[in-house]
Amino acid sequence: MLTHAFYTPTLCPIQCYSMKNTLFIVLIILSSLSFGQELYPEVETLIADQKYSTAFNKLDSIDPENKDPSVVLLKTDLALNFFVQSIMHQVFAFKDLEEGEDLYERRSGLEGTYDARSFPILTQLVAQELSCLRHSIF
């Protein structure tokens, strides 16, 4: 006589990790569609004028505790795309570029004084992803 145990399907850690990433990406896309340029035109103007340090400082004064998703998305965009130097993508250095200065030339090692800022959101996201990966491997 065969008996059947009740089977409750569970998600494996890799599926869970993929769903978390998918959800995170969808939330970012939705947030970027509904937030951003319309809310902070001054910051967008600063970025267009290559005043990256001033733009980051402005965003930090608007939301110093990183609780507003629209501000966090703009800070993340600045940190990932407009840094002059970074330390393990945990600390980012910004500079207000002058007319004719090139961001990529500054990144290539030109000496200078930069405004370095810790941006813990990126650190937390990387730590969370590494933790999830570690749990899915072991």
N, C-alpha and C. Protein backbone atom coordinates (compact mmCIF):
# COMPACT_ATOMS: atom_id res chain seq x y z
N MET A 1 0.83 -1.16 0.00
CA MET A 1 0.00 0.00 0.00
C MET A 1 0.89 1.24 0.00
N LEU A 2 0.63 2.18 -0.92
CA LEU A 2 1.40 3.39 -1.04
C LEU A 2 0.69 4.54 -0.34
N THR A 3 1.46 5.27 0.39
CA THR A 3 0.89 6.48 1.00
C THR A 3 1.61 7.68 0.40
N HIS A 4 0.90 8.75 0.26
CA HIS A 4 1.46 9.98 -0.31
C HIS A 4 1.58 11.03 0.77
N ALA A 5 2.76 11.51 0.91
CA ALA A 5 2.97 12.61 1.86
C ALA A 5 2.51 13.90 1.20
N PHE A 6 2.07 14.80 2.03
CA PHE A 6 1.67 16.10 1.51
C PHE A 6 2.93 16.84 1.06
N TYR A 7 2.87 17.41 -0.11
CA TYR A 7 4.02 18.12 -0.65
C TYR A 7 3.67 19.60 -0.76
N THR A 8 4.45 20.38 -0.11
CA THR A 8 4.27 21.83 -0.20
C THR A 8 5.44 22.39 -0.99
N PRO A 9 5.16 22.89 -2.18
CA PRO A 9 6.27 23.42 -2.97
C PRO A 9 6.87 24.67 -2.32
N THR A 10 8.16 24.71 -2.31
CA THR A 10 8.85 25.89 -1.79
C THR A 10 9.79 26.41 -2.87
N LEU A 11 10.12 27.66 -2.74
CA LEU A 11 11.03 28.27 -3.70
C LEU A 11 12.45 28.00 -3.28
N CYS A 12 13.27 27.66 -4.22
CA CYS A 12 14.67 27.49 -3.90
C CYS A 12 15.30 28.88 -3.78
N PRO A 13 16.43 28.98 -3.11
CA PRO A 13 17.05 30.30 -2.92
C PRO A 13 17.35 31.04 -4.21
N ILE A 14 17.67 30.31 -5.28
CA ILE A 14 17.98 30.97 -6.55
C ILE A 14 16.72 31.61 -7.12
N GLN A 15 15.58 30.90 -7.04
CA GLN A 15 14.32 31.47 -7.52
C GLN A 15 13.97 32.70 -6.69
N CYS A 16 14.15 32.60 -5.38
CA CYS A 16 13.86 33.72 -4.49
C CYS A 16 14.74 34.91 -4.85
N TYR A 17 16.01 34.64 -5.09
CA TYR A 17 16.95 35.70 -5.46
C TYR A 17 16.52 36.35 -6.76
N SER A 18 16.10 35.54 -7.74
CA SER A 18 15.69 36.09 -9.03
C SER A 18 14.43 36.93 -8.89
N MET A 19 13.50 36.47 -8.08
CA MET A 19 12.27 37.24 -7.87
C MET A 19 12.55 38.56 -7.16
N LYS A 20 13.46 38.53 -6.19
CA LYS A 20 13.82 39.77 -5.50
C LYS A 20 14.43 40.76 -6.47
N ASN A 21 15.33 40.28 -7.32
CA ASN A 21 15.96 41.17 -8.31
C ASN A 21 14.93 41.71 -9.29
N THR A 22 14.03 40.85 -9.75
CA THR A 22 13.00 41.28 -10.68
C THR A 22 12.11 42.33 -10.04
N LEU A 23 11.70 42.09 -8.82
CA LEU A 23 10.86 43.05 -8.11
C LEU A 23 11.60 44.37 -7.91
N PHE A 24 12.87 44.30 -7.54
CA PHE A 24 13.68 45.50 -7.35
C PHE A 24 13.77 46.30 -8.64
N ILE A 25 14.02 45.63 -9.75
CA ILE A 25 14.13 46.31 -11.04
C ILE A 25 12.80 46.94 -11.43
N VAL A 26 11.71 46.22 -11.24
CA VAL A 26 10.39 46.78 -11.56
C VAL A 26 10.10 48.01 -10.70
N LEU A 27 10.43 47.95 -9.42
CA LEU A 27 10.21 49.10 -8.55
C LEU A 27 11.05 50.30 -8.97
N ILE A 28 12.28 50.05 -9.37
CA ILE A 28 13.13 51.15 -9.85
C ILE A 28 12.54 51.78 -11.10
N ILE A 29 12.10 50.95 -12.03
CA ILE A 29 11.53 51.48 -13.28
C ILE A 29 10.27 52.28 -12.98
N LEU A 30 9.39 51.72 -12.15
CA LEU A 30 8.17 52.45 -11.81
C LEU A 30 8.48 53.75 -11.08
N SER A 31 9.43 53.70 -10.18
CA SER A 31 9.80 54.91 -9.46
C SER A 31 10.39 55.95 -10.38
N SER A 32 11.21 55.51 -11.32
CA SER A 32 11.84 56.48 -12.22
C SER A 32 10.82 57.07 -13.18
N LEU A 33 9.75 56.34 -13.48
CA LEU A 33 8.72 56.89 -14.34
C LEU A 33 7.89 57.95 -13.63
N SER A 34 7.68 57.76 -12.34
CA SER A 34 6.81 58.68 -11.62
C SER A 34 7.56 59.75 -10.85
N PHE A 35 8.86 59.60 -10.68
CA PHE A 35 9.64 60.57 -9.94
C PHE A 35 10.76 61.11 -10.81
N GLY A 36 11.52 62.03 -10.25
CA GLY A 36 12.74 62.41 -10.92
C GLY A 36 12.76 63.82 -11.42
N GLN A 37 12.87 63.96 -12.73
CA GLN A 37 13.15 65.26 -13.31
C GLN A 37 12.10 66.31 -12.96
N GLU A 38 10.85 65.97 -12.96
CA GLU A 38 9.81 66.95 -12.69
C GLU A 38 9.88 67.48 -11.26
N LEU A 39 10.35 66.65 -10.33
CA LEU A 39 10.38 67.05 -8.93
C LEU A 39 11.60 67.87 -8.57
N TYR A 40 12.70 67.67 -9.26
CA TYR A 40 13.96 68.32 -8.89
C TYR A 40 14.64 68.94 -10.11
N PRO A 41 13.98 69.93 -10.74
CA PRO A 41 14.57 70.52 -11.94
C PRO A 41 15.90 71.22 -11.66
N GLU A 42 16.07 71.77 -10.46
CA GLU A 42 17.33 72.43 -10.12
C GLU A 42 18.48 71.43 -10.13
N VAL A 43 18.25 70.24 -9.59
CA VAL A 43 19.27 69.20 -9.56
C VAL A 43 19.58 68.73 -10.98
N GLU A 44 18.56 68.56 -11.80
CA GLU A 44 18.78 68.14 -13.18
C GLU A 44 19.58 69.19 -13.95
N THR A 45 19.34 70.46 -13.67
CA THR A 45 20.12 71.53 -14.30
C THR A 45 21.58 71.48 -13.86
N LEU A 46 21.79 71.23 -12.56
CA LEU A 46 23.17 71.11 -12.06
C LEU A 46 23.90 69.96 -12.73
N ILE A 47 23.22 68.84 -12.90
CA ILE A 47 23.84 67.68 -13.55
C ILE A 47 24.16 68.01 -15.01
N ALA A 48 23.23 68.66 -15.69
CA ALA A 48 23.46 69.03 -17.09
C ALA A 48 24.64 70.00 -17.21
N ASP A 49 24.84 70.84 -16.19
CA ASP A 49 25.96 71.79 -16.18
C ASP A 49 27.24 71.18 -15.61
N GLN A 50 27.24 69.89 -15.35
CA GLN A 50 28.38 69.13 -14.81
C GLN A 50 28.79 69.62 -13.42
N LYS A 51 27.84 70.04 -12.62
CA LYS A 51 28.09 70.45 -11.24
C LYS A 51 27.66 69.30 -10.33
N TYR A 52 28.43 68.20 -10.41
CA TYR A 52 28.05 66.96 -9.76
C TYR A 52 28.12 67.03 -8.24
N SER A 53 29.13 67.66 -7.71
CA SER A 53 29.26 67.78 -6.27
C SER A 53 28.11 68.60 -5.69
N THR A 54 27.81 69.71 -6.32
CA THR A 54 26.72 70.56 -5.87
C THR A 54 25.38 69.83 -5.98
N ALA A 55 25.18 69.06 -7.06
CA ALA A 55 23.94 68.31 -7.25
C ALA A 55 23.77 67.27 -6.14
N PHE A 56 24.86 66.53 -5.83
CA PHE A 56 24.76 65.52 -4.77
C PHE A 56 24.49 66.18 -3.42
N ASN A 57 25.18 67.29 -3.15
CA ASN A 57 24.95 68.01 -1.88
C ASN A 57 23.52 68.52 -1.78
N LYS A 58 22.96 68.98 -2.89
CA LYS A 58 21.57 69.45 -2.91
C LYS A 58 20.62 68.30 -2.59
N LEU A 59 20.84 67.16 -3.23
CA LEU A 59 20.00 65.99 -2.95
C LEU A 59 20.14 65.54 -1.50
N ASP A 60 21.37 65.61 -0.99
CA ASP A 60 21.60 65.21 0.40
C ASP A 60 20.91 66.16 1.37
N SER A 61 20.81 67.43 1.02
CA SER A 61 20.11 68.37 1.89
C SER A 61 18.60 68.16 1.83
N ILE A 62 18.10 67.67 0.69
CA ILE A 62 16.67 67.38 0.56
C ILE A 62 16.29 66.15 1.37
N ASP A 63 17.12 65.12 1.30
CA ASP A 63 16.83 63.85 1.98
C ASP A 63 18.11 63.25 2.56
N PRO A 64 18.56 63.76 3.71
CA PRO A 64 19.82 63.27 4.29
C PRO A 64 19.77 61.83 4.78
N GLU A 65 18.59 61.32 5.08
CA GLU A 65 18.47 59.96 5.62
C GLU A 65 18.10 58.92 4.57
N ASN A 66 18.05 59.33 3.32
CA ASN A 66 17.76 58.41 2.20
C ASN A 66 16.44 57.66 2.36
N LYS A 67 15.39 58.40 2.65
CA LYS A 67 14.07 57.78 2.81
C LYS A 67 13.14 58.02 1.63
N ASP A 68 13.43 59.02 0.82
CA ASP A 68 12.60 59.36 -0.33
C ASP A 68 13.12 58.60 -1.56
N PRO A 69 12.33 57.68 -2.12
CA PRO A 69 12.82 56.87 -3.25
C PRO A 69 13.29 57.70 -4.44
N SER A 70 12.62 58.79 -4.73
CA SER A 70 13.02 59.58 -5.89
C SER A 70 14.40 60.21 -5.68
N VAL A 71 14.67 60.66 -4.47
CA VAL A 71 15.98 61.24 -4.16
C VAL A 71 17.05 60.16 -4.16
N VAL A 72 16.74 59.02 -3.60
CA VAL A 72 17.70 57.92 -3.57
C VAL A 72 18.06 57.47 -4.99
N LEU A 73 17.07 57.43 -5.88
CA LEU A 73 17.35 57.05 -7.27
C LEU A 73 18.25 58.07 -7.95
N LEU A 74 18.01 59.35 -7.71
CA LEU A 74 18.87 60.38 -8.30
C LEU A 74 20.27 60.33 -7.71
N LYS A 75 20.38 60.10 -6.39
CA LYS A 75 21.70 59.96 -5.77
C LYS A 75 22.45 58.76 -6.34
N THR A 76 21.73 57.67 -6.54
CA THR A 76 22.33 56.45 -7.09
C THR A 76 22.82 56.70 -8.51
N ASP A 77 22.02 57.39 -9.30
CA ASP A 77 22.42 57.73 -10.66
C ASP A 77 23.68 58.58 -10.65
N LEU A 78 23.73 59.57 -9.78
CA LEU A 78 24.93 60.41 -9.66
C LEU A 78 26.14 59.58 -9.24
N ALA A 79 25.95 58.75 -8.22
CA ALA A 79 27.07 57.97 -7.68
C ALA A 79 27.63 57.00 -8.71
N LEU A 80 26.77 56.37 -9.49
CA LEU A 80 27.24 55.37 -10.43
C LEU A 80 27.76 55.95 -11.75
N ASN A 81 27.25 57.10 -12.14
CA ASN A 81 27.59 57.62 -13.46
C ASN A 81 28.48 58.85 -13.46
N PHE A 82 28.51 59.60 -12.37
CA PHE A 82 29.20 60.89 -12.40
C PHE A 82 30.24 61.05 -11.29
N PHE A 83 30.76 59.96 -10.77
CA PHE A 83 31.82 60.06 -9.77
C PHE A 83 33.15 60.34 -10.46
N VAL A 84 34.04 61.01 -9.73
CA VAL A 84 35.40 61.24 -10.24
C VAL A 84 36.29 60.10 -9.78
N GLN A 85 36.14 59.72 -8.53
CA GLN A 85 36.86 58.58 -7.97
C GLN A 85 35.91 57.85 -7.03
N SER A 86 36.17 56.58 -6.84
CA SER A 86 35.39 55.82 -5.86
C SER A 86 36.30 54.87 -5.13
N ILE A 87 35.91 54.56 -3.93
CA ILE A 87 36.62 53.57 -3.13
C ILE A 87 35.66 52.40 -2.95
N MET A 88 35.91 51.35 -3.74
CA MET A 88 35.11 50.12 -3.70
C MET A 88 33.61 50.43 -3.87
N HIS A 89 33.28 51.46 -4.58
CA HIS A 89 31.90 51.91 -4.79
C HIS A 89 31.13 52.01 -3.47
N GLN A 90 31.84 52.43 -2.42
CA GLN A 90 31.21 52.72 -1.14
C GLN A 90 31.34 54.20 -0.81
N VAL A 91 32.45 54.77 -1.23
CA VAL A 91 32.70 56.20 -1.05
C VAL A 91 32.91 56.77 -2.45
N PHE A 92 32.22 57.85 -2.74
CA PHE A 92 32.27 58.45 -4.06
C PHE A 92 32.79 59.87 -3.96
N ALA A 93 33.69 60.23 -4.86
CA ALA A 93 34.21 61.59 -4.92
C ALA A 93 33.58 62.29 -6.11
N PHE A 94 33.07 63.49 -5.86
CA PHE A 94 32.43 64.29 -6.90
C PHE A 94 33.19 65.60 -7.08
N LYS A 95 33.02 66.18 -8.25
CA LYS A 95 33.65 67.47 -8.54
C LYS A 95 32.73 68.25 -9.44
N ASP A 96 32.63 69.55 -9.18
CA ASP A 96 31.96 70.45 -10.10
C ASP A 96 32.95 70.76 -11.21
N LEU A 97 32.67 70.28 -12.40
CA LEU A 97 33.60 70.47 -13.52
C LEU A 97 33.45 71.87 -14.11
N GLU A 98 34.57 72.39 -14.53
CA GLU A 98 34.58 73.70 -15.19
C GLU A 98 34.33 73.50 -16.68
N GLU A 99 34.06 74.58 -17.37
CA GLU A 99 33.87 74.55 -18.82
C GLU A 99 35.10 73.91 -19.47
N GLY A 100 34.88 72.91 -20.29
CA GLY A 100 35.97 72.26 -21.00
C GLY A 100 36.60 71.08 -20.26
N GLU A 101 36.32 70.92 -18.96
CA GLU A 101 36.85 69.76 -18.22
C GLU A 101 36.07 68.52 -18.60
N ASP A 102 36.75 67.38 -18.57
CA ASP A 102 36.13 66.12 -18.94
C ASP A 102 36.14 65.17 -17.74
N LEU A 103 35.00 64.59 -17.46
CA LEU A 103 34.87 63.66 -16.33
C LEU A 103 35.82 62.48 -16.47
N TYR A 104 35.93 61.92 -17.67
CA TYR A 104 36.77 60.74 -17.87
C TYR A 104 38.25 61.05 -17.72
N GLU A 105 38.66 62.26 -18.07
CA GLU A 105 40.04 62.66 -17.83
C GLU A 105 40.31 62.76 -16.33
N ARG A 106 39.35 63.27 -15.59
CA ARG A 106 39.49 63.35 -14.13
C ARG A 106 39.59 61.94 -13.53
N ARG A 107 38.83 61.02 -14.06
CA ARG A 107 38.88 59.65 -13.55
C ARG A 107 40.21 58.97 -13.85
N SER A 108 40.88 59.40 -14.88
CA SER A 108 42.11 58.73 -15.29
C SER A 108 43.30 59.08 -14.42
N GLY A 109 43.09 59.79 -13.34
CA GLY A 109 44.17 59.98 -12.38
C GLY A 109 44.71 61.38 -12.25
N LEU A 110 44.05 62.36 -12.83
CA LEU A 110 44.50 63.73 -12.62
C LEU A 110 44.36 64.09 -11.16
N GLU A 111 45.38 64.73 -10.63
CA GLU A 111 45.32 65.12 -9.22
C GLU A 111 44.32 66.26 -9.06
N GLY A 112 43.74 66.33 -7.87
CA GLY A 112 42.80 67.40 -7.59
C GLY A 112 42.16 67.21 -6.24
N THR A 113 41.35 68.15 -5.88
CA THR A 113 40.61 68.10 -4.63
C THR A 113 39.16 67.78 -4.97
N TYR A 114 38.63 66.75 -4.32
CA TYR A 114 37.29 66.30 -4.63
C TYR A 114 36.46 66.21 -3.35
N ASP A 115 35.16 66.26 -3.53
CA ASP A 115 34.21 66.14 -2.43
C ASP A 115 33.83 64.66 -2.30
N ALA A 116 34.44 63.95 -1.35
CA ALA A 116 34.17 62.52 -1.17
C ALA A 116 33.00 62.33 -0.21
N ARG A 117 32.08 61.46 -0.61
CA ARG A 117 30.87 61.21 0.19
C ARG A 117 30.63 59.72 0.31
N SER A 118 30.31 59.29 1.51
CA SER A 118 29.88 57.91 1.71
C SER A 118 28.43 57.81 1.28
N PHE A 119 28.12 56.78 0.54
CA PHE A 119 26.73 56.57 0.12
C PHE A 119 26.32 55.16 0.53
N PRO A 120 25.79 55.01 1.74
CA PRO A 120 25.54 53.68 2.30
C PRO A 120 24.47 52.87 1.59
N ILE A 121 23.62 53.48 0.81
CA ILE A 121 22.58 52.72 0.11
C ILE A 121 23.22 51.68 -0.80
N LEU A 122 24.22 52.07 -1.55
CA LEU A 122 24.88 51.12 -2.45
C LEU A 122 25.57 50.02 -1.66
N THR A 123 26.20 50.37 -0.56
CA THR A 123 26.86 49.38 0.28
C THR A 123 25.86 48.37 0.80
N GLN A 124 24.69 48.84 1.24
CA GLN A 124 23.67 47.95 1.76
C GLN A 124 23.13 47.03 0.68
N LEU A 125 22.93 47.56 -0.53
CA LEU A 125 22.42 46.73 -1.62
C LEU A 125 23.40 45.64 -2.00
N VAL A 126 24.68 45.98 -2.07
CA VAL A 126 25.70 44.99 -2.41
C VAL A 126 25.78 43.94 -1.31
N ALA A 127 25.76 44.37 -0.06
CA ALA A 127 25.82 43.43 1.06
C ALA A 127 24.61 42.49 1.04
N GLN A 128 23.44 43.03 0.73
CA GLN A 128 22.24 42.21 0.67
C GLN A 128 22.33 41.18 -0.46
N GLU A 129 22.82 41.61 -1.61
CA GLU A 129 22.95 40.68 -2.73
C GLU A 129 23.99 39.60 -2.44
N LEU A 130 25.11 39.98 -1.84
CA LEU A 130 26.14 39.00 -1.50
C LEU A 130 25.61 38.00 -0.47
N SER A 131 24.84 38.49 0.48
CA SER A 131 24.26 37.61 1.49
C SER A 131 23.31 36.61 0.84
N CYS A 132 22.49 37.08 -0.08
CA CYS A 132 21.56 36.20 -0.77
C CYS A 132 22.31 35.16 -1.60
N LEU A 133 23.36 35.61 -2.29
CA LEU A 133 24.17 34.67 -3.06
C LEU A 133 24.82 33.62 -2.18
N ARG A 134 25.35 34.05 -1.04
CA ARG A 134 26.01 33.14 -0.13
C ARG A 134 25.03 32.08 0.36
N HIS A 135 23.80 32.49 0.66
CA HIS A 135 22.80 31.53 1.15
C HIS A 135 22.35 30.58 0.04
N SER A 136 22.36 31.05 -1.20
CA SER A 136 21.93 30.17 -2.28
C SER A 136 23.01 29.15 -2.65
N ILE A 137 24.28 29.51 -2.39
CA ILE A 137 25.38 28.60 -2.72
C ILE A 137 25.52 27.53 -1.65
N PHE A 138 25.39 27.91 -0.38
CA PHE A 138 25.63 26.96 0.71
C PHE A 138 24.38 26.36 1.21
